[in-house]
Amino acid sequence: LRKAAALTPGQDVMGIDLAGLSERIKTLPWVSRV
């Protein structure tokens, strides 16, 4: 999950692409919806 999210402490919260983050996490085998 940490590798798929690819988030780092201190980065701009407003600059995080929520749609892209959701798509990356959805590729994990156990995840049905996110």
ModelCIF file with pLDDT and N, C-alpha, C, O atoms, coordinates in Angstrom:
data_MODEL
#
_entry.id   MODEL 
#
_entity.id                         1 
_entity.type                       polymer 
_entity.pdbx_number_of_molecules   1 
#
_entity_poly.entity_id                      1 
_entity_poly.type                           'polypeptide(L)' 
_entity_poly.nstd_linkage                   no 
_entity_poly.nstd_monomer                   no 
_entity_poly.pdbx_seq_one_letter_code       LRKAAALTPGQDVMGIDLAGLSERIKTLPWVSRV 
_entity_poly.pdbx_seq_one_letter_code_can   LRKAAALTPGQDVMGIDLAGLSERIKTLPWVSRV 
_entity_poly.pdbx_strand_id                 A 
#
loop_
_entity_poly_seq.entity_id 
_entity_poly_seq.num 
_entity_poly_seq.mon_id 
_entity_poly_seq.hetero 
1 1  LEU n 
1 2  ARG n 
1 3  LYS n 
1 4  ALA n 
1 5  ALA n 
1 6  ALA n 
1 7  LEU n 
1 8  THR n 
1 9  PRO n 
1 10 GLY n 
1 11 GLN n 
1 12 ASP n 
1 13 VAL n 
1 14 MET n 
1 15 GLY n 
1 16 ILE n 
1 17 ASP n 
1 18 LEU n 
1 19 ALA n 
1 20 GLY n 
1 21 LEU n 
1 22 SER n 
1 23 GLU n 
1 24 ARG n 
1 25 ILE n 
1 26 LYS n 
1 27 THR n 
1 28 LEU n 
1 29 PRO n 
1 30 TRP n 
1 31 VAL n 
1 32 SER n 
1 33 ARG n 
1 34 VAL n 
#
_struct_asym.id          A 
_struct_asym.entity_id   1 
#
loop_
_ma_qa_metric.id 
_ma_qa_metric.mode 
_ma_qa_metric.name 
_ma_qa_metric.software_group_id 
_ma_qa_metric.type 
1 global pLDDT . pLDDT 
2 local  pLDDT . pLDDT 
#
_ma_qa_metric_global.metric_id      1 
_ma_qa_metric_global.metric_value   93.65 
_ma_qa_metric_global.model_id       1 
_ma_qa_metric_global.ordinal_id     1 
#
loop_
_ma_qa_metric_local.label_asym_id 
_ma_qa_metric_local.label_comp_id 
_ma_qa_metric_local.label_seq_id 
_ma_qa_metric_local.metric_id 
_ma_qa_metric_local.metric_value 
_ma_qa_metric_local.model_id 
_ma_qa_metric_local.ordinal_id 
A LEU 1  2 95.00 1 1  
A ARG 2  2 94.00 1 2  
A LYS 3  2 95.00 1 3  
A ALA 4  2 95.00 1 4  
A ALA 5  2 94.00 1 5  
A ALA 6  2 94.00 1 6  
A LEU 7  2 94.00 1 7  
A THR 8  2 92.00 1 8  
A PRO 9  2 91.00 1 9  
A GLY 10 2 90.00 1 10 
A GLN 11 2 91.00 1 11 
A ASP 12 2 90.00 1 12 
A VAL 13 2 91.00 1 13 
A MET 14 2 88.00 1 14 
A GLY 15 2 89.00 1 15 
A ILE 16 2 93.00 1 16 
A ASP 17 2 95.00 1 17 
A LEU 18 2 95.00 1 18 
A ALA 19 2 95.00 1 19 
A GLY 20 2 95.00 1 20 
A LEU 21 2 95.00 1 21 
A SER 22 2 96.00 1 22 
A GLU 23 2 96.00 1 23 
A ARG 24 2 96.00 1 24 
A ILE 25 2 96.00 1 25 
A LYS 26 2 95.00 1 26 
A THR 27 2 94.00 1 27 
A LEU 28 2 95.00 1 28 
A PRO 29 2 93.00 1 29 
A TRP 30 2 94.00 1 30 
A VAL 31 2 95.00 1 31 
A SER 32 2 93.00 1 32 
A ARG 33 2 94.00 1 33 
A VAL 34 2 96.00 1 34 
#
loop_
_atom_site.group_PDB 
_atom_site.id 
_atom_site.type_symbol 
_atom_site.label_atom_id 
_atom_site.label_alt_id 
_atom_site.label_comp_id 
_atom_site.label_asym_id 
_atom_site.label_entity_id 
_atom_site.label_seq_id 
_atom_site.pdbx_PDB_ins_code 
_atom_site.Cartn_x 
_atom_site.Cartn_y 
_atom_site.Cartn_z 
_atom_site.occupancy 
_atom_site.B_iso_or_equiv 
_atom_site.pdbx_formal_charge 
_atom_site.auth_seq_id 
_atom_site.auth_comp_id 
_atom_site.auth_asym_id 
_atom_site.auth_atom_id 
_atom_site.pdbx_PDB_model_num 
ATOM 1   N N  . LEU A 1 1  ? 0.830   -1.208 0.000  1.00 95.00 ? 1  LEU A N  1 
ATOM 2   C CA . LEU A 1 1  ? 0.000   0.000  0.000  1.00 95.00 ? 1  LEU A CA 1 
ATOM 3   C C  . LEU A 1 1  ? 0.859   1.250  0.000  1.00 95.00 ? 1  LEU A C  1 
ATOM 4   O O  . LEU A 1 1  ? 0.556   2.207  -0.713 1.00 95.00 ? 1  LEU A O  1 
ATOM 5   N N  . ARG A 1 2  ? 1.935   1.258  0.796  1.00 94.00 ? 2  ARG A N  1 
ATOM 6   C CA . ARG A 1 2  ? 2.817   2.420  0.852  1.00 94.00 ? 2  ARG A CA 1 
ATOM 7   C C  . ARG A 1 2  ? 3.492   2.650  -0.501 1.00 94.00 ? 2  ARG A C  1 
ATOM 8   O O  . ARG A 1 2  ? 3.641   3.791  -0.939 1.00 94.00 ? 2  ARG A O  1 
ATOM 9   N N  . LYS A 1 3  ? 3.900   1.561  -1.163 1.00 95.00 ? 3  LYS A N  1 
ATOM 10  C CA . LYS A 1 3  ? 4.566   1.698  -2.456 1.00 95.00 ? 3  LYS A CA 1 
ATOM 11  C C  . LYS A 1 3  ? 3.597   2.212  -3.517 1.00 95.00 ? 3  LYS A C  1 
ATOM 12  O O  . LYS A 1 3  ? 3.970   3.045  -4.344 1.00 95.00 ? 3  LYS A O  1 
ATOM 13  N N  . ALA A 1 4  ? 2.359   1.724  -3.500 1.00 95.00 ? 4  ALA A N  1 
ATOM 14  C CA . ALA A 1 4  ? 1.381   2.164  -4.498 1.00 95.00 ? 4  ALA A CA 1 
ATOM 15  C C  . ALA A 1 4  ? 0.990   3.621  -4.269 1.00 95.00 ? 4  ALA A C  1 
ATOM 16  O O  . ALA A 1 4  ? 0.787   4.360  -5.232 1.00 95.00 ? 4  ALA A O  1 
ATOM 17  N N  . ALA A 1 5  ? 0.882   4.043  -3.016 1.00 94.00 ? 5  ALA A N  1 
ATOM 18  C CA . ALA A 1 5  ? 0.484   5.420  -2.731 1.00 94.00 ? 5  ALA A CA 1 
ATOM 19  C C  . ALA A 1 5  ? 1.565   6.412  -3.137 1.00 94.00 ? 5  ALA A C  1 
ATOM 20  O O  . ALA A 1 5  ? 1.258   7.482  -3.662 1.00 94.00 ? 5  ALA A O  1 
ATOM 21  N N  . ALA A 1 6  ? 2.830   6.068  -2.899 1.00 94.00 ? 6  ALA A N  1 
ATOM 22  C CA . ALA A 1 6  ? 3.966   6.931  -3.283 1.00 94.00 ? 6  ALA A CA 1 
ATOM 23  C C  . ALA A 1 6  ? 3.839   8.338  -2.709 1.00 94.00 ? 6  ALA A C  1 
ATOM 24  O O  . ALA A 1 6  ? 4.082   9.324  -3.405 1.00 94.00 ? 6  ALA A O  1 
ATOM 25  N N  . LEU A 1 7  ? 3.459   8.426  -1.444 1.00 94.00 ? 7  LEU A N  1 
ATOM 26  C CA . LEU A 1 7  ? 3.362   9.714  -0.756 1.00 94.00 ? 7  LEU A CA 1 
ATOM 27  C C  . LEU A 1 7  ? 4.587   9.920  0.120  1.00 94.00 ? 7  LEU A C  1 
ATOM 28  O O  . LEU A 1 7  ? 5.130   8.970  0.685  1.00 94.00 ? 7  LEU A O  1 
ATOM 29  N N  . THR A 1 8  ? 5.009   11.162 0.225  1.00 92.00 ? 8  THR A N  1 
ATOM 30  C CA . THR A 1 8  ? 6.173   11.486 1.039  1.00 92.00 ? 8  THR A CA 1 
ATOM 31  C C  . THR A 1 8  ? 5.813   12.562 2.045  1.00 92.00 ? 8  THR A C  1 
ATOM 32  O O  . THR A 1 8  ? 5.071   13.486 1.711  1.00 92.00 ? 8  THR A O  1 
ATOM 33  N N  . PRO A 1 9  ? 6.312   12.470 3.256  1.00 91.00 ? 9  PRO A N  1 
ATOM 34  C CA . PRO A 1 9  ? 6.022   13.503 4.261  1.00 91.00 ? 9  PRO A CA 1 
ATOM 35  C C  . PRO A 1 9  ? 6.535   14.865 3.815  1.00 91.00 ? 9  PRO A C  1 
ATOM 36  O O  . PRO A 1 9  ? 7.619   14.973 3.243  1.00 91.00 ? 9  PRO A O  1 
ATOM 37  N N  . GLY A 1 10 ? 5.761   15.888 4.077  1.00 90.00 ? 10 GLY A N  1 
ATOM 38  C CA . GLY A 1 10 ? 6.159   17.250 3.749  1.00 90.00 ? 10 GLY A CA 1 
ATOM 39  C C  . GLY A 1 10 ? 5.720   17.737 2.392  1.00 90.00 ? 10 GLY A C  1 
ATOM 40  O O  . GLY A 1 10 ? 5.852   18.926 2.100  1.00 90.00 ? 10 GLY A O  1 
ATOM 41  N N  . GLN A 1 11 ? 5.202   16.864 1.552  1.00 91.00 ? 11 GLN A N  1 
ATOM 42  C CA . GLN A 1 11 ? 4.790   17.330 0.231  1.00 91.00 ? 11 GLN A CA 1 
ATOM 43  C C  . GLN A 1 11 ? 3.505   18.147 0.333  1.00 91.00 ? 11 GLN A C  1 
ATOM 44  O O  . GLN A 1 11 ? 2.767   18.060 1.314  1.00 91.00 ? 11 GLN A O  1 
ATOM 45  N N  . ASP A 1 12 ? 3.259   18.943 -0.706 1.00 90.00 ? 12 ASP A N  1 
ATOM 46  C CA . ASP A 1 12 ? 2.106   19.846 -0.720 1.00 90.00 ? 12 ASP A CA 1 
ATOM 47  C C  . ASP A 1 12 ? 0.815   19.034 -0.724 1.00 90.00 ? 12 ASP A C  1 
ATOM 48  O O  . ASP A 1 12 ? 0.577   18.250 -1.642 1.00 90.00 ? 12 ASP A O  1 
ATOM 49  N N  . VAL A 1 13 ? -0.015  19.217 0.293  1.00 91.00 ? 13 VAL A N  1 
ATOM 50  C CA . VAL A 1 13 ? -1.276  18.479 0.372  1.00 91.00 ? 13 VAL A CA 1 
ATOM 51  C C  . VAL A 1 13 ? -2.191  18.852 -0.790 1.00 91.00 ? 13 VAL A C  1 
ATOM 52  O O  . VAL A 1 13 ? -2.852  17.982 -1.357 1.00 91.00 ? 13 VAL A O  1 
ATOM 53  N N  . MET A 1 14 ? -2.237  20.125 -1.150 1.00 88.00 ? 14 MET A N  1 
ATOM 54  C CA . MET A 1 14 ? -3.103  20.562 -2.240 1.00 88.00 ? 14 MET A CA 1 
ATOM 55  C C  . MET A 1 14 ? -2.605  20.094 -3.595 1.00 88.00 ? 14 MET A C  1 
ATOM 56  O O  . MET A 1 14 ? -3.375  20.059 -4.554 1.00 88.00 ? 14 MET A O  1 
ATOM 57  N N  . GLY A 1 15 ? -1.355  19.739 -3.690 1.00 89.00 ? 15 GLY A N  1 
ATOM 58  C CA . GLY A 1 15 ? -0.800  19.286 -4.965 1.00 89.00 ? 15 GLY A CA 1 
ATOM 59  C C  . GLY A 1 15 ? -0.930  17.794 -5.204 1.00 89.00 ? 15 GLY A C  1 
ATOM 60  O O  . GLY A 1 15 ? -0.515  17.318 -6.260 1.00 89.00 ? 15 GLY A O  1 
ATOM 61  N N  . ILE A 1 16 ? -1.489  17.032 -4.270 1.00 93.00 ? 16 ILE A N  1 
ATOM 62  C CA . ILE A 1 16 ? -1.636  15.583 -4.432 1.00 93.00 ? 16 ILE A CA 1 
ATOM 63  C C  . ILE A 1 16 ? -2.769  15.293 -5.405 1.00 93.00 ? 16 ILE A C  1 
ATOM 64  O O  . ILE A 1 16 ? -3.874  15.813 -5.257 1.00 93.00 ? 16 ILE A O  1 
ATOM 65  N N  . ASP A 1 17 ? -2.487  14.458 -6.403 1.00 95.00 ? 17 ASP A N  1 
ATOM 66  C CA . ASP A 1 17 ? -3.486  14.044 -7.388 1.00 95.00 ? 17 ASP A CA 1 
ATOM 67  C C  . ASP A 1 17 ? -4.318  12.917 -6.786 1.00 95.00 ? 17 ASP A C  1 
ATOM 68  O O  . ASP A 1 17 ? -3.889  11.763 -6.787 1.00 95.00 ? 17 ASP A O  1 
ATOM 69  N N  . LEU A 1 18 ? -5.495  13.238 -6.274 1.00 95.00 ? 18 LEU A N  1 
ATOM 70  C CA . LEU A 1 18 ? -6.312  12.239 -5.594 1.00 95.00 ? 18 LEU A CA 1 
ATOM 71  C C  . LEU A 1 18 ? -6.810  11.157 -6.553 1.00 95.00 ? 18 LEU A C  1 
ATOM 72  O O  . LEU A 1 18 ? -6.871  9.985  -6.183 1.00 95.00 ? 18 LEU A O  1 
ATOM 73  N N  . ALA A 1 19 ? -7.166  11.541 -7.784 1.00 95.00 ? 19 ALA A N  1 
ATOM 74  C CA . ALA A 1 19 ? -7.637  10.555 -8.759 1.00 95.00 ? 19 ALA A CA 1 
ATOM 75  C C  . ALA A 1 19 ? -6.525  9.580  -9.124 1.00 95.00 ? 19 ALA A C  1 
ATOM 76  O O  . ALA A 1 19 ? -6.753  8.372  -9.186 1.00 95.00 ? 19 ALA A O  1 
ATOM 77  N N  . GLY A 1 20 ? -5.322  10.098 -9.366 1.00 95.00 ? 20 GLY A N  1 
ATOM 78  C CA . GLY A 1 20 ? -4.198  9.216  -9.679 1.00 95.00 ? 20 GLY A CA 1 
ATOM 79  C C  . GLY A 1 20 ? -3.832  8.320  -8.511 1.00 95.00 ? 20 GLY A C  1 
ATOM 80  O O  . GLY A 1 20 ? -3.510  7.147  -8.700 1.00 95.00 ? 20 GLY A O  1 
ATOM 81  N N  . LEU A 1 21 ? -3.882  8.869  -7.301 1.00 95.00 ? 21 LEU A N  1 
ATOM 82  C CA . LEU A 1 21 ? -3.602  8.070  -6.106 1.00 95.00 ? 21 LEU A CA 1 
ATOM 83  C C  . LEU A 1 21 ? -4.613  6.938  -5.965 1.00 95.00 ? 21 LEU A C  1 
ATOM 84  O O  . LEU A 1 21 ? -4.242  5.816  -5.621 1.00 95.00 ? 21 LEU A O  1 
ATOM 85  N N  . SER A 1 22 ? -5.876  7.221  -6.225 1.00 96.00 ? 22 SER A N  1 
ATOM 86  C CA . SER A 1 22 ? -6.912  6.194  -6.147 1.00 96.00 ? 22 SER A CA 1 
ATOM 87  C C  . SER A 1 22 ? -6.682  5.099  -7.174 1.00 96.00 ? 22 SER A C  1 
ATOM 88  O O  . SER A 1 22 ? -6.831  3.918  -6.859 1.00 96.00 ? 22 SER A O  1 
ATOM 89  N N  . GLU A 1 23 ? -6.324  5.466  -8.390 1.00 96.00 ? 23 GLU A N  1 
ATOM 90  C CA . GLU A 1 23 ? -6.087  4.462  -9.434 1.00 96.00 ? 23 GLU A CA 1 
ATOM 91  C C  . GLU A 1 23 ? -4.899  3.572  -9.104 1.00 96.00 ? 23 GLU A C  1 
ATOM 92  O O  . GLU A 1 23 ? -4.932  2.374  -9.386 1.00 96.00 ? 23 GLU A O  1 
ATOM 93  N N  . ARG A 1 24 ? -3.855  4.129  -8.515 1.00 96.00 ? 24 ARG A N  1 
ATOM 94  C CA . ARG A 1 24 ? -2.679  3.312  -8.164 1.00 96.00 ? 24 ARG A CA 1 
ATOM 95  C C  . ARG A 1 24 ? -3.031  2.301  -7.071 1.00 96.00 ? 24 ARG A C  1 
ATOM 96  O O  . ARG A 1 24 ? -2.623  1.142  -7.140 1.00 96.00 ? 24 ARG A O  1 
ATOM 97  N N  . ILE A 1 25 ? -3.781  2.739  -6.075 1.00 96.00 ? 25 ILE A N  1 
ATOM 98  C CA . ILE A 1 25 ? -4.147  1.826  -4.982 1.00 96.00 ? 25 ILE A CA 1 
ATOM 99  C C  . ILE A 1 25 ? -5.107  0.754  -5.478 1.00 96.00 ? 25 ILE A C  1 
ATOM 100 O O  . ILE A 1 25 ? -5.087  -0.372 -4.981 1.00 96.00 ? 25 ILE A O  1 
ATOM 101 N N  . LYS A 1 26 ? -5.945  1.090  -6.450 1.00 95.00 ? 26 LYS A N  1 
ATOM 102 C CA . LYS A 1 26 ? -6.925  0.133  -6.952 1.00 95.00 ? 26 LYS A CA 1 
ATOM 103 C C  . LYS A 1 26 ? -6.267  -1.039 -7.684 1.00 95.00 ? 26 LYS A C  1 
ATOM 104 O O  . LYS A 1 26 ? -6.906  -2.075 -7.872 1.00 95.00 ? 26 LYS A O  1 
ATOM 105 N N  . THR A 1 27 ? -5.014  -0.899 -8.099 1.00 94.00 ? 27 THR A N  1 
ATOM 106 C CA . THR A 1 27 ? -4.329  -1.993 -8.780 1.00 94.00 ? 27 THR A CA 1 
ATOM 107 C C  . THR A 1 27 ? -3.869  -3.089 -7.815 1.00 94.00 ? 27 THR A C  1 
ATOM 108 O O  . THR A 1 27 ? -3.461  -4.161 -8.261 1.00 94.00 ? 27 THR A O  1 
ATOM 109 N N  . LEU A 1 28 ? -3.928  -2.847 -6.524 1.00 95.00 ? 28 LEU A N  1 
ATOM 110 C CA . LEU A 1 28 ? -3.535  -3.868 -5.556 1.00 95.00 ? 28 LEU A CA 1 
ATOM 111 C C  . LEU A 1 28 ? -4.547  -5.014 -5.580 1.00 95.00 ? 28 LEU A C  1 
ATOM 112 O O  . LEU A 1 28 ? -5.748  -4.766 -5.681 1.00 95.00 ? 28 LEU A O  1 
ATOM 113 N N  . PRO A 1 29 ? -4.081  -6.271 -5.489 1.00 93.00 ? 29 PRO A N  1 
ATOM 114 C CA . PRO A 1 29 ? -4.976  -7.417 -5.730 1.00 93.00 ? 29 PRO A CA 1 
ATOM 115 C C  . PRO A 1 29 ? -6.145  -7.533 -4.765 1.00 93.00 ? 29 PRO A C  1 
ATOM 116 O O  . PRO A 1 29 ? -7.223  -7.968 -5.170 1.00 93.00 ? 29 PRO A O  1 
ATOM 117 N N  . TRP A 1 30 ? -5.968  -7.159 -3.498 1.00 94.00 ? 30 TRP A N  1 
ATOM 118 C CA . TRP A 1 30 ? -7.050  -7.313 -2.540 1.00 94.00 ? 30 TRP A CA 1 
ATOM 119 C C  . TRP A 1 30 ? -8.070  -6.182 -2.588 1.00 94.00 ? 30 TRP A C  1 
ATOM 120 O O  . TRP A 1 30 ? -9.158  -6.307 -2.026 1.00 94.00 ? 30 TRP A O  1 
ATOM 121 N N  . VAL A 1 31 ? -7.730  -5.079 -3.253 1.00 95.00 ? 31 VAL A N  1 
ATOM 122 C CA . VAL A 1 31 ? -8.570  -3.878 -3.223 1.00 95.00 ? 31 VAL A CA 1 
ATOM 123 C C  . VAL A 1 31 ? -9.688  -4.008 -4.253 1.00 95.00 ? 31 VAL A C  1 
ATOM 124 O O  . VAL A 1 31 ? -9.436  -4.208 -5.442 1.00 95.00 ? 31 VAL A O  1 
ATOM 125 N N  . SER A 1 32 ? -10.931 -3.890 -3.775 1.00 93.00 ? 32 SER A N  1 
ATOM 126 C CA . SER A 1 32 ? -12.096 -3.880 -4.661 1.00 93.00 ? 32 SER A CA 1 
ATOM 127 C C  . SER A 1 32 ? -12.516 -2.462 -5.023 1.00 93.00 ? 32 SER A C  1 
ATOM 128 O O  . SER A 1 32 ? -12.858 -2.188 -6.173 1.00 93.00 ? 32 SER A O  1 
ATOM 129 N N  . ARG A 1 33 ? -12.492 -1.558 -4.041 1.00 94.00 ? 33 ARG A N  1 
ATOM 130 C CA . ARG A 1 33 ? -12.880 -0.163 -4.258 1.00 94.00 ? 33 ARG A CA 1 
ATOM 131 C C  . ARG A 1 33 ? -12.109 0.713  -3.292 1.00 94.00 ? 33 ARG A C  1 
ATOM 132 O O  . ARG A 1 33 ? -11.767 0.284  -2.190 1.00 94.00 ? 33 ARG A O  1 
ATOM 133 N N  . VAL A 1 34 ? -11.837 1.941  -3.705 1.00 96.00 ? 34 VAL A N  1 
ATOM 134 C CA . VAL A 1 34 ? -11.064 2.851  -2.868 1.00 96.00 ? 34 VAL A CA 1 
ATOM 135 C C  . VAL A 1 34 ? -11.585 4.268  -3.044 1.00 96.00 ? 34 VAL A C  1 
ATOM 136 O O  . VAL A 1 34 ? -11.069 5.198  -2.424 1.00 96.00 ? 34 VAL A O  1 
#
